[in-house]
C-alpha atoms as a PDB file:
ATOM      1  CA  MET A   1     -66.803 -19.296 -19.264  1.00  0.00           C
ATOM      2  CA  PHE A   2     -66.413 -18.147 -22.865  1.00  0.00           C
ATOM      3  CA  LYS A   3     -69.157 -19.288 -25.271  1.00  0.00           C
ATOM      4  CA  PRO A   4     -67.730 -19.076 -28.816  1.00  0.00           C
ATOM      5  CA  GLU A   5     -70.929 -20.433 -30.382  1.00  0.00           C
ATOM      6  CA  ILE A   6     -72.859 -17.362 -29.209  1.00  0.00           C
ATOM      7  CA  LEU A   7     -70.173 -15.028 -30.527  1.00  0.00           C
ATOM      8  CA  LYS A   8     -70.209 -16.849 -33.875  1.00  0.00           C
ATOM      9  CA  SER A   9     -73.985 -16.454 -34.140  1.00  0.00           C
ATOM     10  CA  LYS A  10     -73.710 -12.710 -33.400  1.00  0.00           C
ATOM     11  CA  MET A  11     -71.002 -12.414 -36.070  1.00  0.00           C
ATOM     12  CA  VAL A  12     -73.246 -14.148 -38.632  1.00  0.00           C
ATOM     13  CA  ALA A  13     -76.188 -11.923 -37.690  1.00  0.00           C
ATOM     14  CA  ASN A  14     -73.983  -8.872 -38.320  1.00  0.00           C
ATOM     15  CA  ASN A  15     -72.413 -10.232 -41.521  1.00  0.00           C
ATOM     16  CA  LEU A  16     -68.932 -10.122 -39.977  1.00  0.00           C
ATOM     17  CA  THR A  17     -66.402 -12.752 -40.975  1.00  0.00           C
ATOM     18  CA  VAL A  18     -63.393 -13.863 -38.958  1.00  0.00           C
ATOM     19  CA  ASP A  19     -61.208 -11.877 -41.368  1.00  0.00           C
ATOM     20  CA  ILE A  20     -63.176  -8.669 -40.864  1.00  0.00           C
ATOM     21  CA  LEU A  21     -63.501  -8.929 -37.097  1.00  0.00           C
ATOM     22  CA  SER A  22     -59.889  -9.926 -36.518  1.00  0.00           C
ATOM     23  CA  ASP A  23     -58.819  -6.966 -38.669  1.00  0.00           C
ATOM     24  CA  LYS A  24     -60.973  -4.611 -36.582  1.00  0.00           C
ATOM     25  CA  LEU A  25     -59.368  -6.057 -33.438  1.00  0.00           C
ATOM     26  CA  GLY A  26     -55.885  -5.587 -34.861  1.00  0.00           C
ATOM     27  CA  ILE A  27     -54.992  -9.273 -34.578  1.00  0.00           C
ATOM     28  CA  ASP A  28     -54.336 -11.877 -37.234  1.00  0.00           C
ATOM     29  CA  THR A  29     -56.891 -14.548 -38.050  1.00  0.00           C
ATOM     30  CA  ALA A  30     -54.767 -17.301 -36.485  1.00  0.00           C
ATOM     31  CA  THR A  31     -54.760 -15.437 -33.163  1.00  0.00           C
ATOM     32  CA  PHE A  32     -58.512 -14.878 -33.423  1.00  0.00           C
ATOM     33  CA  SER A  33     -59.018 -18.588 -34.120  1.00  0.00           C
ATOM     34  CA  ARG A  34     -56.932 -19.545 -31.069  1.00  0.00           C
ATOM     35  CA  LYS A  35     -59.103 -17.290 -28.931  1.00  0.00           C
ATOM     36  CA  MET A  36     -62.308 -18.736 -30.419  1.00  0.00           C
ATOM     37  CA  GLY A  37     -60.910 -22.220 -29.746  1.00  0.00           C
ATOM     38  CA  LYS A  38     -60.311 -21.282 -26.085  1.00  0.00           C
ATOM     39  CA  LYS A  39     -56.550 -21.727 -26.411  1.00  0.00           C
ATOM     40  CA  SER A  40     -56.032 -18.129 -25.320  1.00  0.00           C
ATOM     41  CA  GLU A  41     -58.310 -15.434 -23.947  1.00  0.00           C
ATOM     42  CA  PHE A  42     -59.640 -12.206 -25.384  1.00  0.00           C
ATOM     43  CA  LYS A  43     -58.220  -9.097 -23.750  1.00  0.00           C
ATOM     44  CA  ARG A  44     -60.661  -6.635 -22.187  1.00  0.00           C
ATOM     45  CA  SER A  45     -59.859  -4.125 -24.938  1.00  0.00           C
ATOM     46  CA  GLU A  46     -60.681  -6.746 -27.579  1.00  0.00           C
ATOM     47  CA  MET A  47     -63.951  -7.569 -25.828  1.00  0.00           C
ATOM     48  CA  GLN A  48     -64.880  -3.888 -25.895  1.00  0.00           C
ATOM     49  CA  LEU A  49     -64.136  -3.654 -29.624  1.00  0.00           C
ATOM     50  CA  ILE A  50     -66.202  -6.781 -30.241  1.00  0.00           C
ATOM     51  CA  ARG A  51     -69.055  -5.177 -28.307  1.00  0.00           C
ATOM     52  CA  GLU A  52     -68.838  -2.038 -30.415  1.00  0.00           C
ATOM     53  CA  CYS A  53     -68.501  -3.869 -33.745  1.00  0.00           C
ATOM     54  CA  LEU A  54     -71.445  -6.167 -33.060  1.00  0.00           C
ATOM     55  CA  GLY A  55     -73.626  -3.725 -31.121  1.00  0.00           C
ATOM     56  CA  LEU A  56     -73.804  -6.074 -28.146  1.00  0.00           C
ATOM     57  CA  THR A  57     -75.617  -5.314 -24.908  1.00  0.00           C
ATOM     58  CA  LYS A  58     -74.223  -5.954 -21.427  1.00  0.00           C
ATOM     59  CA  ASP A  59     -76.406  -9.078 -21.259  1.00  0.00           C
ATOM     60  CA  ASP A  60     -74.968 -10.273 -24.596  1.00  0.00           C
ATOM     61  CA  MET A  61     -71.445  -9.730 -23.284  1.00  0.00           C
ATOM     62  CA  ASP A  62     -72.223 -11.607 -20.080  1.00  0.00           C
ATOM     63  CA  ALA A  63     -73.683 -14.524 -22.046  1.00  0.00           C
ATOM     64  CA  ILE A  64     -70.657 -14.697 -24.365  1.00  0.00           C
ATOM     65  CA  PHE A  65     -67.712 -14.012 -22.083  1.00  0.00           C
ATOM     66  CA  PHE A  66     -68.831 -14.537 -18.499  1.00  0.00           C
ATOM     67  CA  ALA A  67     -71.510 -17.254 -18.497  1.00  0.00           C
ATOM     68  CA  GLN A  68     -71.256 -19.996 -15.914  1.00  0.00           C
END
């Protein structure tokens, strides 16, 4: 289950705004907001870019995107 609050905290820790991260993902901010609001899902390719942009570990990724 996706945990947007953890992703938000990682974004803050890395000084990345929604505008910056959505731009890096190649999506508009409205689409990013829908995904953060669990109205649609992040694609695997987007998850990988998020991992790279935020320097996330496998455990971080599991906690954000795949937690029970």
